[in-house]
Amino acid sequence: MIEVLKLLITFAFVIALIRLKIHVGVSIFAGSILLGILFGLTPLEFTKAFYHSSTSWSTVRLILIIVFIMAMTNVFSQIGYLKDMEKAIKELFPKAKYSLAMLPALIGLMPMPAGALVSAPMIEEVANKLSLKPEEKTLVNYWFRHVWEFSWPMYQAIIIASAILGITVREFSTKMFPLTILMILIGYFLILRPIKDESTKEGKKNEGAKLLLKTTYPILVIILISIVLGYDMVYGAFIGLMSALMPHFNKLNKKEIIKHAFQPKIIFLLLAVMYFKYLLQITNAVEALPKAILELNLPVVFVIILTPFIVGLMTGISFAYVGMAFPLLLPFFTGFDKIALAYLSGYMGMLFSPVHLCLVFSAEYYKAELRNVYRKLLVPGTILFTVGVLYTLLLGR
């Protein structure tokens, strides 16, 4: 039991640092140091562990993928693809309430911090025409911005999860994709459908389709290589970046791309997550939890649900609950059903987190009362979790 106590102290320490608004990467790294101290590692062992975790292919691969994707989002920003995407969606979905969902969903294809703040002004004009209340605007923007986070292979949480679990991004994404479909359906029936929309405008669908293809082809390249063909995500991300970069190479600000791609805080976060995982392994700390649960007769499913949920709720960040909880839960992941349940639980914590930037920024932008947003979020969120759990049970059969 003493080992479990050490784990709990480490866990509480990391959560406390995050609550004090210390960067997630720094918090996890500090927690890693505390874990090593509690388990009696020497300074030399600390150094060797950091060297091994930082130079392993799984860590290098992880950093390369994130760097390539971050670079591509900056290229998109510089060449005006985000604005073109907005035009394309309005032509393809001229009925106002459908563009309300499609615009934040499209921005959701490109992982970025507080991405809902990018889509918030894009849908404001349409939302005002439909006389939506601030809380309704916030809910639509927030919900549809996050429908892809269960399965879209460009998300950091999915890439980190695949690295920790030792499975391909393709396997993770395809098995989690039904949860994305579920979230879209819930959003349509409970959020979009009740909105009254009398608009009859006709869009130029051919022009919209061409413009959408023009602006999203690098993303499609990544999907083709990594998901359809099944090659490693690192190749898909690199070729996707090159396909966006090369046609516009001469007019792009290369320094800005490099600066955006190699963000020290993000790279340090990835190093910290993999260091934390490695220390859990070499100290045998990860084996302590299942032993304690067997001794206390606690249901394993309870630990799988609660651990990532608490991290997601406290941090509001998907890669935080993956990076912190998944290494700890590895002994319990006897099948993909357990992995899916853990990810779903962490996701629900993140979705309802009061420190989730997308939620906070959306509510602030529309001047919405956060408590009223929570009331509107409660029913679709509860249905998402309930039906999602049923899906994870099917995975276990």
Protein backbone atom coordinates (compact mmCIF):
# COMPACT_ATOMS: atom_id res chain seq x y z
CA MET A 1 0.00 0.00 0.00
CA ILE A 2 2.94 2.36 0.57
CA GLU A 3 3.67 2.35 -3.18
CA VAL A 4 0.08 3.35 -3.94
CA LEU A 5 0.33 6.18 -1.42
CA LYS A 6 3.46 7.43 -3.23
CA LEU A 7 1.57 7.32 -6.54
CA LEU A 8 -1.36 9.24 -5.07
CA ILE A 9 0.98 11.88 -3.62
CA THR A 10 2.62 12.27 -7.05
CA PHE A 11 -0.74 12.48 -8.76
CA ALA A 12 -2.10 15.06 -6.30
CA PHE A 13 1.10 17.09 -6.64
CA VAL A 14 0.79 17.28 -10.44
CA ILE A 15 -2.91 18.22 -10.29
CA ALA A 16 -2.14 20.90 -7.68
CA LEU A 17 0.56 22.45 -9.89
CA ILE A 18 -1.79 22.50 -12.88
CA ARG A 19 -4.50 24.14 -10.75
CA LEU A 20 -1.93 26.81 -9.83
CA LYS A 21 -1.71 27.51 -13.59
CA ILE A 22 1.78 26.06 -13.94
CA HIS A 23 2.28 24.70 -17.47
CA VAL A 24 1.13 21.09 -17.89
CA GLY A 25 4.56 19.97 -19.14
CA VAL A 26 6.37 21.52 -16.18
CA SER A 27 3.78 20.03 -13.80
CA ILE A 28 4.18 16.50 -15.21
CA PHE A 29 7.98 16.80 -15.23
CA ALA A 30 7.98 17.97 -11.60
CA GLY A 31 5.68 15.05 -10.75
CA SER A 32 8.13 12.70 -12.46
CA ILE A 33 10.98 14.02 -10.28
CA LEU A 34 8.85 13.63 -7.14
CA LEU A 35 7.93 10.07 -8.18
CA GLY A 36 11.61 9.20 -8.64
CA ILE A 37 12.55 10.70 -5.26
CA LEU A 38 9.75 8.81 -3.48
CA PHE A 39 10.92 5.56 -5.07
CA GLY A 40 14.57 6.23 -4.16
CA LEU A 41 16.19 6.95 -7.53
CA THR A 42 19.69 8.42 -7.48
CA PRO A 43 20.63 11.58 -9.49
CA LEU A 44 22.51 9.35 -11.95
CA GLU A 45 19.44 7.14 -12.43
CA PHE A 46 17.30 10.26 -13.00
CA THR A 47 19.70 11.46 -15.70
CA LYS A 48 19.95 8.09 -17.42
CA ALA A 49 16.17 7.70 -17.39
CA PHE A 50 15.67 11.11 -18.99
CA TYR A 51 18.28 10.33 -21.64
CA HIS A 52 16.71 6.96 -22.50
CA SER A 53 13.13 8.27 -22.57
CA SER A 54 14.08 11.36 -24.62
CA THR A 55 16.14 9.54 -27.25
CA SER A 56 13.88 6.52 -27.77
CA TRP A 57 12.25 6.28 -31.20
CA SER A 58 8.74 6.43 -29.69
CA THR A 59 9.53 9.87 -28.20
CA VAL A 60 11.38 11.20 -31.27
CA ARG A 61 8.54 9.97 -33.51
CA LEU A 62 5.97 11.64 -31.27
CA ILE A 63 7.79 14.99 -31.41
CA LEU A 64 8.24 14.79 -35.20
CA ILE A 65 4.53 14.18 -35.79
CA ILE A 66 3.47 17.10 -33.59
CA VAL A 67 6.08 19.41 -35.16
CA PHE A 68 4.91 18.54 -38.69
CA ILE A 69 1.26 19.13 -37.79
CA MET A 70 1.97 22.43 -36.01
CA ALA A 71 3.96 23.60 -39.04
CA MET A 72 1.09 22.70 -41.35
CA THR A 73 -1.44 24.69 -39.30
CA ASN A 74 0.81 27.75 -39.63
CA VAL A 75 1.07 27.25 -43.40
CA PHE A 76 -2.74 27.10 -43.55
CA SER A 77 -2.94 30.34 -41.60
CA GLN A 78 -0.41 32.16 -43.80
CA ILE A 79 -1.93 31.19 -47.16
CA GLY A 80 -5.48 32.04 -46.10
CA TYR A 81 -6.92 28.54 -46.14
CA LEU A 82 -8.96 29.15 -42.98
CA LYS A 83 -10.89 31.99 -44.66
CA ASP A 84 -11.35 29.90 -47.79
CA MET A 85 -12.72 27.04 -45.67
CA GLU A 86 -15.32 29.43 -44.25
CA LYS A 87 -16.41 30.43 -47.76
CA ALA A 88 -16.54 26.80 -48.90
CA ILE A 89 -18.77 25.72 -46.01
CA LYS A 90 -21.21 28.59 -46.58
CA GLU A 91 -21.55 27.57 -50.24
CA LEU A 92 -21.92 23.86 -49.46
CA PHE A 93 -24.31 24.35 -46.54
CA PRO A 94 -26.31 27.49 -47.32
CA LYS A 95 -29.00 26.60 -44.76
CA ALA A 96 -27.84 28.74 -41.88
CA LYS A 97 -28.11 26.29 -38.99
CA TYR A 98 -26.02 23.65 -40.74
CA SER A 99 -23.14 26.06 -41.30
CA LEU A 100 -23.34 26.73 -37.55
CA ALA A 101 -22.15 23.15 -37.01
CA MET A 102 -19.90 22.72 -40.03
CA LEU A 103 -17.66 25.74 -39.44
CA PRO A 104 -16.50 24.79 -35.90
CA ALA A 105 -16.28 21.14 -37.01
CA LEU A 106 -14.02 22.16 -39.88
CA ILE A 107 -11.78 24.18 -37.55
CA GLY A 108 -11.76 21.10 -35.30
CA LEU A 109 -9.92 19.21 -38.05
CA MET A 110 -6.91 21.39 -37.29
CA PRO A 111 -5.88 20.92 -33.64
CA MET A 112 -4.94 24.20 -32.04
CA PRO A 113 -5.16 25.66 -28.51
CA ALA A 114 -8.52 27.36 -27.89
CA GLY A 115 -9.63 26.51 -31.43
CA ALA A 116 -13.25 27.34 -30.54
CA LEU A 117 -12.19 30.97 -30.34
CA VAL A 118 -11.22 30.79 -34.03
CA SER A 119 -14.64 29.46 -35.05
CA ALA A 120 -16.62 31.69 -32.66
CA PRO A 121 -16.50 34.84 -34.86
CA MET A 122 -17.01 32.70 -37.99
CA ILE A 123 -20.51 31.63 -36.90
CA GLU A 124 -21.56 34.78 -35.05
CA GLU A 125 -23.25 36.46 -38.04
CA VAL A 126 -25.29 33.33 -38.84
CA ALA A 127 -26.13 32.77 -35.15
CA ASN A 128 -27.41 36.33 -34.82
CA LYS A 129 -29.66 35.89 -37.87
CA LEU A 130 -31.19 32.86 -36.18
CA SER A 131 -31.66 34.85 -32.93
CA LEU A 132 -29.68 32.40 -30.82
CA LYS A 133 -29.04 33.23 -27.17
CA PRO A 134 -25.41 33.57 -26.00
CA GLU A 135 -25.58 30.17 -24.26
CA GLU A 136 -26.91 28.53 -27.44
CA LYS A 137 -24.12 30.05 -29.54
CA THR A 138 -21.57 28.82 -27.01
CA LEU A 139 -23.00 25.29 -26.94
CA VAL A 140 -23.10 24.91 -30.75
CA ASN A 141 -19.59 26.25 -31.19
CA TYR A 142 -18.15 24.23 -28.31
CA TRP A 143 -19.85 20.91 -29.10
CA PHE A 144 -19.11 20.72 -32.81
CA ARG A 145 -15.55 22.01 -32.37
CA HIS A 146 -14.78 18.82 -30.41
CA VAL A 147 -16.55 16.05 -32.34
CA TRP A 148 -13.28 14.85 -33.90
CA GLU A 149 -11.24 14.56 -30.74
CA PHE A 150 -12.22 10.92 -30.24
CA SER A 151 -10.70 9.76 -33.50
CA TRP A 152 -9.03 12.41 -35.67
CA PRO A 153 -5.42 11.23 -36.09
CA MET A 154 -3.96 14.75 -35.99
CA TYR A 155 -4.93 15.27 -32.35
CA GLN A 156 -2.04 15.21 -29.88
CA ALA A 157 -3.97 13.06 -27.39
CA ILE A 158 -4.47 10.29 -29.96
CA ILE A 159 -0.84 10.41 -31.11
CA ILE A 160 0.39 10.31 -27.49
CA ALA A 161 -2.04 7.48 -26.65
CA SER A 162 -0.76 5.39 -29.56
CA ALA A 163 2.83 5.96 -28.40
CA ILE A 164 2.05 5.00 -24.80
CA LEU A 165 -0.04 1.97 -25.75
CA GLY A 166 2.29 0.76 -28.50
CA ILE A 167 -0.50 0.55 -31.10
CA THR A 168 -0.89 2.34 -34.42
CA VAL A 169 -2.75 5.61 -34.78
CA ARG A 170 -4.81 3.83 -37.45
CA GLU A 171 -6.05 1.18 -35.01
CA PHE A 172 -6.86 3.73 -32.33
CA SER A 173 -8.66 6.09 -34.71
CA THR A 174 -10.76 3.49 -36.50
CA LYS A 175 -11.97 1.85 -33.29
CA MET A 176 -12.84 5.20 -31.70
CA PHE A 177 -14.52 6.65 -34.82
CA PRO A 178 -18.05 5.46 -33.85
CA LEU A 179 -17.84 7.80 -30.83
CA THR A 180 -17.25 10.71 -33.22
CA ILE A 181 -20.35 9.66 -35.20
CA LEU A 182 -22.29 9.38 -31.94
CA MET A 183 -21.29 12.89 -30.87
CA ILE A 184 -22.30 14.31 -34.29
CA LEU A 185 -25.72 12.58 -34.12
CA ILE A 186 -26.37 13.82 -30.58
CA GLY A 187 -25.36 17.33 -31.65
CA TYR A 188 -27.71 17.20 -34.63
CA PHE A 189 -30.80 15.89 -32.83
CA LEU A 190 -30.45 17.75 -29.53
CA ILE A 191 -28.66 20.98 -30.51
CA LEU A 192 -29.15 21.75 -34.21
CA ARG A 193 -32.56 20.31 -35.04
CA PRO A 194 -34.52 22.38 -32.47
CA ILE A 195 -33.15 25.63 -33.99
CA LYS A 196 -35.79 27.34 -36.17
CA ASP A 197 -34.37 28.21 -39.56
CA GLU A 198 -36.46 29.76 -42.33
CA SER A 199 -33.52 30.44 -44.68
CA THR A 200 -33.94 29.31 -48.29
CA LYS A 201 -30.69 30.58 -49.82
CA GLU A 202 -29.14 28.39 -52.52
CA GLY A 203 -25.40 27.82 -52.41
CA LYS A 204 -22.92 27.26 -55.24
CA LYS A 205 -22.14 23.67 -54.31
CA ASN A 206 -19.64 22.98 -57.10
CA GLU A 207 -17.60 26.05 -56.21
CA GLY A 208 -17.84 25.19 -52.51
CA ALA A 209 -16.66 21.62 -53.09
CA LYS A 210 -13.70 22.77 -55.19
CA LEU A 211 -12.70 25.36 -52.60
CA LEU A 212 -13.02 22.83 -49.76
CA LEU A 213 -10.87 20.31 -51.62
CA LYS A 214 -8.29 23.00 -52.36
CA THR A 215 -8.02 23.99 -48.70
CA THR A 216 -8.13 20.55 -47.09
CA TYR A 217 -6.07 18.38 -49.46
CA PRO A 218 -3.01 18.26 -47.12
CA ILE A 219 -5.26 16.86 -44.39
CA LEU A 220 -6.65 14.32 -46.85
CA VAL A 221 -3.07 13.32 -47.73
CA ILE A 222 -2.40 12.52 -44.06
CA ILE A 223 -5.60 10.46 -43.83
CA LEU A 224 -4.81 8.56 -47.03
CA ILE A 225 -1.27 7.64 -45.94
CA SER A 226 -1.82 7.00 -42.23
CA ILE A 227 -5.38 5.68 -42.04
CA VAL A 228 -6.32 4.26 -45.46
CA LEU A 229 -2.89 2.86 -46.40
CA GLY A 230 -1.84 2.25 -42.79
CA TYR A 231 1.68 3.72 -42.88
CA ASP A 232 3.18 5.28 -39.76
CA MET A 233 1.68 8.64 -38.86
CA VAL A 234 5.12 10.26 -39.00
CA TYR A 235 5.25 9.70 -42.78
CA GLY A 236 1.69 10.89 -43.30
CA ALA A 237 2.29 14.07 -41.29
CA PHE A 238 5.53 14.84 -43.15
CA ILE A 239 4.09 14.30 -46.64
CA GLY A 240 0.96 16.25 -45.68
CA LEU A 241 3.13 19.15 -44.56
CA MET A 242 5.17 19.02 -47.78
CA SER A 243 2.01 19.00 -49.90
CA ALA A 244 0.87 22.23 -48.21
CA LEU A 245 4.31 23.84 -48.08
CA MET A 246 5.83 23.30 -51.53
CA PRO A 247 3.20 24.97 -53.78
CA HIS A 248 3.49 28.19 -51.73
CA PHE A 249 7.13 27.93 -50.66
CA ASN A 250 8.39 31.26 -52.04
CA LYS A 251 5.69 33.42 -50.48
CA LEU A 252 5.70 31.84 -47.02
CA ASN A 253 7.45 33.23 -43.95
CA LYS A 254 9.69 30.26 -43.11
CA LYS A 255 10.85 31.70 -39.78
CA GLU A 256 7.24 31.95 -38.63
CA ILE A 257 6.58 28.33 -39.65
CA ILE A 258 9.65 27.10 -37.75
CA LYS A 259 8.76 29.20 -34.71
CA HIS A 260 5.21 27.84 -34.67
CA ALA A 261 6.33 24.23 -35.27
CA PHE A 262 9.10 24.10 -32.65
CA GLN A 263 7.28 25.52 -29.65
CA PRO A 264 9.47 24.76 -26.61
CA LYS A 265 6.49 24.35 -24.26
CA ILE A 266 4.86 21.72 -26.46
CA ILE A 267 8.09 19.79 -27.07
CA PHE A 268 8.87 19.88 -23.35
CA LEU A 269 5.36 18.59 -22.62
CA LEU A 270 5.94 15.59 -24.89
CA LEU A 271 9.31 14.89 -23.28
CA ALA A 272 7.72 15.16 -19.82
CA VAL A 273 4.90 12.73 -20.68
CA MET A 274 7.30 10.10 -22.02
CA TYR A 275 9.66 10.63 -19.04
CA PHE A 276 6.75 10.12 -16.64
CA LYS A 277 5.80 6.90 -18.44
CA TYR A 278 9.41 5.64 -18.36
CA LEU A 279 9.85 6.36 -14.63
CA LEU A 280 6.61 4.54 -13.85
CA GLN A 281 8.07 1.52 -15.62
CA ILE A 282 11.60 1.47 -14.14
CA THR A 283 10.40 2.10 -10.56
CA ASN A 284 7.76 -0.64 -10.93
CA ALA A 285 5.32 1.94 -9.59
CA VAL A 286 2.85 1.03 -12.30
CA GLU A 287 2.56 -2.48 -10.88
CA ALA A 288 1.63 -1.24 -7.42
CA LEU A 289 -1.85 0.00 -8.31
CA PRO A 290 -3.30 -3.27 -9.66
CA LYS A 291 -1.93 -5.16 -6.65
CA ALA A 292 -3.57 -2.70 -4.27
CA ILE A 293 -6.87 -2.88 -6.11
CA LEU A 294 -6.84 -6.65 -5.94
CA GLU A 295 -6.16 -6.45 -2.19
CA LEU A 296 -8.93 -3.88 -1.59
CA ASN A 297 -11.37 -5.59 -3.97
CA LEU A 298 -12.04 -2.28 -5.74
CA PRO A 299 -13.73 -2.67 -9.15
CA VAL A 300 -11.15 -2.14 -11.90
CA VAL A 301 -13.75 -0.39 -14.03
CA PHE A 302 -14.13 2.23 -11.28
CA VAL A 303 -10.42 3.09 -11.47
CA ILE A 304 -10.45 3.14 -15.28
CA ILE A 305 -13.35 5.63 -15.31
CA LEU A 306 -12.44 7.85 -12.38
CA THR A 307 -8.71 8.36 -12.90
CA PRO A 308 -8.80 9.97 -16.39
CA PHE A 309 -12.08 11.74 -15.59
CA ILE A 310 -10.52 13.59 -12.65
CA VAL A 311 -7.44 14.56 -14.68
CA GLY A 312 -9.60 15.73 -17.58
CA LEU A 313 -11.85 17.73 -15.25
CA MET A 314 -8.94 19.36 -13.43
CA THR A 315 -6.86 20.20 -16.51
CA GLY A 316 -9.37 20.64 -19.37
CA ILE A 317 -6.77 19.18 -21.73
CA SER A 318 -7.06 15.87 -23.59
CA PHE A 319 -3.35 15.11 -23.82
CA ALA A 320 -3.06 15.69 -20.06
CA TYR A 321 -5.47 12.90 -19.11
CA VAL A 322 -3.84 10.63 -21.69
CA GLY A 323 -0.29 11.54 -20.67
CA MET A 324 -0.90 11.22 -16.94
CA ALA A 325 -3.54 8.52 -16.58
CA PHE A 326 -2.76 6.09 -19.40
CA PRO A 327 0.76 5.11 -18.24
CA LEU A 328 -0.70 4.42 -14.80
CA LEU A 329 -3.59 2.37 -16.18
CA LEU A 330 -1.52 0.23 -18.58
CA PRO A 331 -1.81 -2.94 -16.44
CA PHE A 332 -5.62 -2.67 -16.64
CA PHE A 333 -5.75 -2.28 -20.42
CA THR A 334 -6.38 -5.95 -21.15
CA GLY A 335 -8.42 -5.09 -24.25
CA PHE A 336 -9.34 -2.08 -26.37
CA ASP A 337 -12.69 -1.81 -24.56
CA LYS A 338 -10.81 -0.70 -21.43
CA ILE A 339 -8.72 1.79 -23.43
CA ALA A 340 -11.84 3.24 -25.05
CA LEU A 341 -13.59 3.53 -21.67
CA ALA A 342 -10.61 5.36 -20.17
CA TYR A 343 -10.40 7.77 -23.12
CA LEU A 344 -14.17 8.40 -23.04
CA SER A 345 -14.06 9.08 -19.30
CA GLY A 346 -11.16 11.50 -19.60
CA TYR A 347 -12.93 13.16 -22.52
CA MET A 348 -16.06 13.73 -20.42
CA GLY A 349 -13.97 15.29 -17.67
CA MET A 350 -12.34 17.59 -20.22
CA LEU A 351 -15.71 18.47 -21.83
CA PHE A 352 -17.14 19.66 -18.50
CA SER A 353 -13.92 21.19 -17.18
CA PRO A 354 -14.25 24.81 -15.99
CA VAL A 355 -10.66 25.42 -17.12
CA HIS A 356 -11.16 24.13 -20.66
CA LEU A 357 -10.04 27.08 -22.80
CA CYS A 358 -12.52 26.43 -25.60
CA LEU A 359 -15.44 26.51 -23.16
CA VAL A 360 -14.22 29.53 -21.24
CA PHE A 361 -13.26 31.54 -24.34
CA SER A 362 -16.49 30.71 -26.20
CA ALA A 363 -18.63 31.75 -23.23
CA GLU A 364 -16.59 34.92 -22.78
CA TYR A 365 -16.75 35.79 -26.49
CA TYR A 366 -20.54 35.45 -26.62
CA LYS A 367 -20.99 36.90 -23.11
CA ALA A 368 -22.78 33.75 -21.98
CA GLU A 369 -23.46 32.69 -18.39
CA LEU A 370 -21.26 29.64 -17.85
CA ARG A 371 -23.74 27.96 -15.48
CA ASN A 372 -26.45 28.19 -18.15
CA VAL A 373 -24.07 26.71 -20.70
CA TYR A 374 -23.49 23.79 -18.32
CA ARG A 375 -27.26 23.25 -18.03
CA LYS A 376 -27.54 22.99 -21.81
CA LEU A 377 -24.46 20.75 -21.98
CA LEU A 378 -25.66 18.32 -19.31
CA VAL A 379 -28.23 16.30 -21.30
CA PRO A 380 -26.22 15.78 -24.53
CA GLY A 381 -23.10 15.12 -22.43
CA THR A 382 -24.87 12.50 -20.30
CA ILE A 383 -26.25 10.74 -23.38
CA LEU A 384 -22.80 10.79 -25.00
CA PHE A 385 -21.24 9.11 -21.98
CA THR A 386 -24.05 6.56 -21.48
CA VAL A 387 -24.22 5.40 -25.09
CA GLY A 388 -20.42 5.63 -25.33
CA VAL A 389 -20.06 3.20 -22.42
CA LEU A 390 -22.42 0.79 -24.20
CA TYR A 391 -20.17 1.00 -27.26
CA THR A 392 -17.09 0.16 -25.18
CA LEU A 393 -18.92 -2.92 -23.88
CA LEU A 394 -19.46 -4.04 -27.47
CA LEU A 395 -15.71 -3.67 -28.09
CA GLY A 396 -15.06 -6.13 -25.26
CA ARG A 397 -17.07 -8.93 -26.86
